[in-house]
Amino acid sequence: MYQVLNDLNKTSGVTGSMVVGNDGIVIAADLEETYEAETVGALAASIQANIQKSLERLDSSALRQVTIEAHDGKLFFVDAGLGILVVTTEKEVNIGLIRLEIKNALGKLKVS
């Protein structure tokens, strides 16, 4: 799992990645020092849970991905089956490339 995160972090613009359980517990993390893994994990789980509840109220399909654009960068929260794959990026990043690399990482995580 750590190798998948390490490979993902080599993508241009990616500053870190992690896998967190749906309960917010960190499973594996490879984040830069400016982010505290436990805080990001709790944030990811809370956001995923709240959005999923809202989608259920709307009788909509299951949540697959959330992208947050902040002042200093972007956060991607993606359903990874075993939990949530979180990817942090720089502000100016090729979103298509990031989504492709996330898709590749998800395939590797589900195999391992």
C-alpha atoms as a PDB file:
ATOM      1  CA  MET A   1       0.000   0.000   0.000  1.00  0.00           C
ATOM      2  CA  TYR A   2       2.829   2.389   0.853  1.00  0.00           C
ATOM      3  CA  GLN A   3       4.402   1.709  -2.554  1.00  0.00           C
ATOM      4  CA  VAL A   4       1.144   2.690  -4.284  1.00  0.00           C
ATOM      5  CA  LEU A   5       1.062   5.962  -2.323  1.00  0.00           C
ATOM      6  CA  ASN A   6       4.745   6.585  -3.034  1.00  0.00           C
ATOM      7  CA  ASP A   7       4.184   6.049  -6.775  1.00  0.00           C
ATOM      8  CA  LEU A   8       1.142   8.347  -6.714  1.00  0.00           C
ATOM      9  CA  ASN A   9       3.186  11.051  -5.000  1.00  0.00           C
ATOM     10  CA  LYS A  10       5.642  11.043  -7.923  1.00  0.00           C
ATOM     11  CA  THR A  11       2.903  12.502 -10.150  1.00  0.00           C
ATOM     12  CA  SER A  12       3.556  16.115 -11.086  1.00  0.00           C
ATOM     13  CA  GLY A  13       1.667  18.405  -8.700  1.00  0.00           C
ATOM     14  CA  VAL A  14       0.849  15.765  -6.063  1.00  0.00           C
ATOM     15  CA  THR A  15       2.076  16.767  -2.607  1.00  0.00           C
ATOM     16  CA  GLY A  16       0.862  13.737  -0.648  1.00  0.00           C
ATOM     17  CA  SER A  17      -1.550  10.857  -0.396  1.00  0.00           C
ATOM     18  CA  MET A  18      -3.084   8.572   2.191  1.00  0.00           C
ATOM     19  CA  VAL A  19      -5.676   5.879   2.750  1.00  0.00           C
ATOM     20  CA  VAL A  20      -8.058   6.403   5.640  1.00  0.00           C
ATOM     21  CA  GLY A  21     -10.838   4.168   6.914  1.00  0.00           C
ATOM     22  CA  ASN A  22     -14.428   5.347   6.689  1.00  0.00           C
ATOM     23  CA  ASP A  23     -14.184   5.917  10.446  1.00  0.00           C
ATOM     24  CA  GLY A  24     -11.330   8.417   9.987  1.00  0.00           C
ATOM     25  CA  ILE A  25      -8.547   6.100  11.196  1.00  0.00           C
ATOM     26  CA  VAL A  26      -5.378   6.431   9.113  1.00  0.00           C
ATOM     27  CA  ILE A  27      -4.478   3.153   7.376  1.00  0.00           C
ATOM     28  CA  ALA A  28      -1.402   4.419   5.485  1.00  0.00           C
ATOM     29  CA  ALA A  29      -0.053   7.899   4.824  1.00  0.00           C
ATOM     30  CA  ASP A  30       2.650   9.560   2.770  1.00  0.00           C
ATOM     31  CA  LEU A  31       1.892  13.255   3.301  1.00  0.00           C
ATOM     32  CA  GLU A  32       4.201  16.237   3.366  1.00  0.00           C
ATOM     33  CA  GLU A  33       4.930  17.621   6.823  1.00  0.00           C
ATOM     34  CA  THR A  34       2.533  20.563   6.528  1.00  0.00           C
ATOM     35  CA  TYR A  35      -0.415  18.156   6.856  1.00  0.00           C
ATOM     36  CA  GLU A  36      -1.212  16.190   9.994  1.00  0.00           C
ATOM     37  CA  ALA A  37      -2.400  12.749   8.851  1.00  0.00           C
ATOM     38  CA  GLU A  38      -4.933  12.277  11.667  1.00  0.00           C
ATOM     39  CA  THR A  39      -6.543  15.650  10.995  1.00  0.00           C
ATOM     40  CA  VAL A  40      -6.778  15.057   7.241  1.00  0.00           C
ATOM     41  CA  GLY A  41      -8.160  11.568   7.868  1.00  0.00           C
ATOM     42  CA  ALA A  42     -10.876  12.838  10.194  1.00  0.00           C
ATOM     43  CA  LEU A  43     -11.748  15.611   7.719  1.00  0.00           C
ATOM     44  CA  ALA A  44     -11.991  13.153   4.820  1.00  0.00           C
ATOM     45  CA  ALA A  45     -14.242  10.752   6.725  1.00  0.00           C
ATOM     46  CA  SER A  46     -16.513  13.552   7.938  1.00  0.00           C
ATOM     47  CA  ILE A  47     -16.889  15.106   4.491  1.00  0.00           C
ATOM     48  CA  GLN A  48     -17.516  11.731   2.814  1.00  0.00           C
ATOM     49  CA  ALA A  49     -20.133  10.754   5.415  1.00  0.00           C
ATOM     50  CA  ASN A  50     -22.002  14.070   5.209  1.00  0.00           C
ATOM     51  CA  ILE A  51     -22.086  14.140   1.421  1.00  0.00           C
ATOM     52  CA  GLN A  52     -23.154  10.481   1.254  1.00  0.00           C
ATOM     53  CA  LYS A  53     -26.053  11.162   3.649  1.00  0.00           C
ATOM     54  CA  SER A  54     -27.118  14.108   1.507  1.00  0.00           C
ATOM     55  CA  LEU A  55     -27.001  11.989  -1.642  1.00  0.00           C
ATOM     56  CA  GLU A  56     -29.106   9.297   0.029  1.00  0.00           C
ATOM     57  CA  ARG A  57     -31.731  11.918   0.930  1.00  0.00           C
ATOM     58  CA  LEU A  58     -31.841  12.879  -2.737  1.00  0.00           C
ATOM     59  CA  ASP A  59     -32.153   9.213  -3.783  1.00  0.00           C
ATOM     60  CA  SER A  60     -28.952   9.669  -5.761  1.00  0.00           C
ATOM     61  CA  SER A  61     -26.197   7.194  -6.502  1.00  0.00           C
ATOM     62  CA  ALA A  62     -23.287   6.440  -4.187  1.00  0.00           C
ATOM     63  CA  LEU A  63     -20.508   8.980  -3.765  1.00  0.00           C
ATOM     64  CA  ARG A  64     -17.364   8.249  -5.791  1.00  0.00           C
ATOM     65  CA  GLN A  65     -15.177  11.349  -5.503  1.00  0.00           C
ATOM     66  CA  VAL A  66     -15.045  14.759  -3.873  1.00  0.00           C
ATOM     67  CA  THR A  67     -12.657  17.488  -4.993  1.00  0.00           C
ATOM     68  CA  ILE A  68     -12.032  20.506  -2.794  1.00  0.00           C
ATOM     69  CA  GLU A  69     -10.280  23.535  -4.220  1.00  0.00           C
ATOM     70  CA  ALA A  70      -8.670  25.569  -1.448  1.00  0.00           C
ATOM     71  CA  HIS A  71      -6.547  28.695  -1.661  1.00  0.00           C
ATOM     72  CA  ASP A  72      -3.235  26.812  -1.461  1.00  0.00           C
ATOM     73  CA  GLY A  73      -4.111  23.566  -3.246  1.00  0.00           C
ATOM     74  CA  LYS A  74      -6.622  20.849  -3.971  1.00  0.00           C
ATOM     75  CA  LEU A  75      -7.809  17.810  -2.018  1.00  0.00           C
ATOM     76  CA  PHE A  76      -9.246  14.728  -3.698  1.00  0.00           C
ATOM     77  CA  PHE A  77     -11.264  12.239  -1.615  1.00  0.00           C
ATOM     78  CA  VAL A  78     -12.039   9.031  -3.503  1.00  0.00           C
ATOM     79  CA  ASP A  79     -13.900   5.885  -2.438  1.00  0.00           C
ATOM     80  CA  ALA A  80     -11.255   3.143  -2.435  1.00  0.00           C
ATOM     81  CA  GLY A  81     -13.464   0.313  -1.231  1.00  0.00           C
ATOM     82  CA  LEU A  82     -11.383  -0.369   1.877  1.00  0.00           C
ATOM     83  CA  GLY A  83     -11.657   3.293   2.829  1.00  0.00           C
ATOM     84  CA  ILE A  84     -10.946   6.696   1.339  1.00  0.00           C
ATOM     85  CA  LEU A  85      -7.972   7.552  -0.840  1.00  0.00           C
ATOM     86  CA  VAL A  86      -6.944  11.133  -0.116  1.00  0.00           C
ATOM     87  CA  VAL A  87      -4.652  13.011  -2.505  1.00  0.00           C
ATOM     88  CA  THR A  88      -3.320  16.511  -1.841  1.00  0.00           C
ATOM     89  CA  THR A  89      -2.023  18.638  -4.707  1.00  0.00           C
ATOM     90  CA  GLU A  90      -0.601  22.009  -5.553  1.00  0.00           C
ATOM     91  CA  LYS A  91      -2.983  24.818  -6.488  1.00  0.00           C
ATOM     92  CA  GLU A  92      -2.228  24.722 -10.227  1.00  0.00           C
ATOM     93  CA  VAL A  93      -2.381  21.081 -11.260  1.00  0.00           C
ATOM     94  CA  ASN A  94      -3.530  19.072 -14.274  1.00  0.00           C
ATOM     95  CA  ILE A  95      -6.780  17.656 -12.874  1.00  0.00           C
ATOM     96  CA  GLY A  96      -7.141  15.165 -15.724  1.00  0.00           C
ATOM     97  CA  LEU A  97      -3.699  13.720 -14.988  1.00  0.00           C
ATOM     98  CA  ILE A  98      -4.432  13.546 -11.276  1.00  0.00           C
ATOM     99  CA  ARG A  99      -7.726  11.711 -11.866  1.00  0.00           C
ATOM    100  CA  LEU A 100      -5.992   9.246 -14.201  1.00  0.00           C
ATOM    101  CA  GLU A 101      -3.266   8.540 -11.641  1.00  0.00           C
ATOM    102  CA  ILE A 102      -5.886   8.170  -8.900  1.00  0.00           C
ATOM    103  CA  LYS A 103      -7.721   5.631 -11.063  1.00  0.00           C
ATOM    104  CA  ASN A 104      -4.474   3.694 -11.570  1.00  0.00           C
ATOM    105  CA  ALA A 105      -3.728   3.802  -7.840  1.00  0.00           C
ATOM    106  CA  LEU A 106      -7.232   2.537  -6.999  1.00  0.00           C
ATOM    107  CA  GLY A 107      -6.696  -0.444  -9.288  1.00  0.00           C
ATOM    108  CA  LYS A 108      -3.440  -1.272  -7.495  1.00  0.00           C
ATOM    109  CA  LEU A 109      -4.973  -0.820  -4.038  1.00  0.00           C
ATOM    110  CA  LYS A 110      -7.824  -3.210  -4.825  1.00  0.00           C
ATOM    111  CA  VAL A 111      -5.333  -5.845  -6.031  1.00  0.00           C
ATOM    112  CA  SER A 112      -3.043  -5.624  -3.006  1.00  0.00           C
END
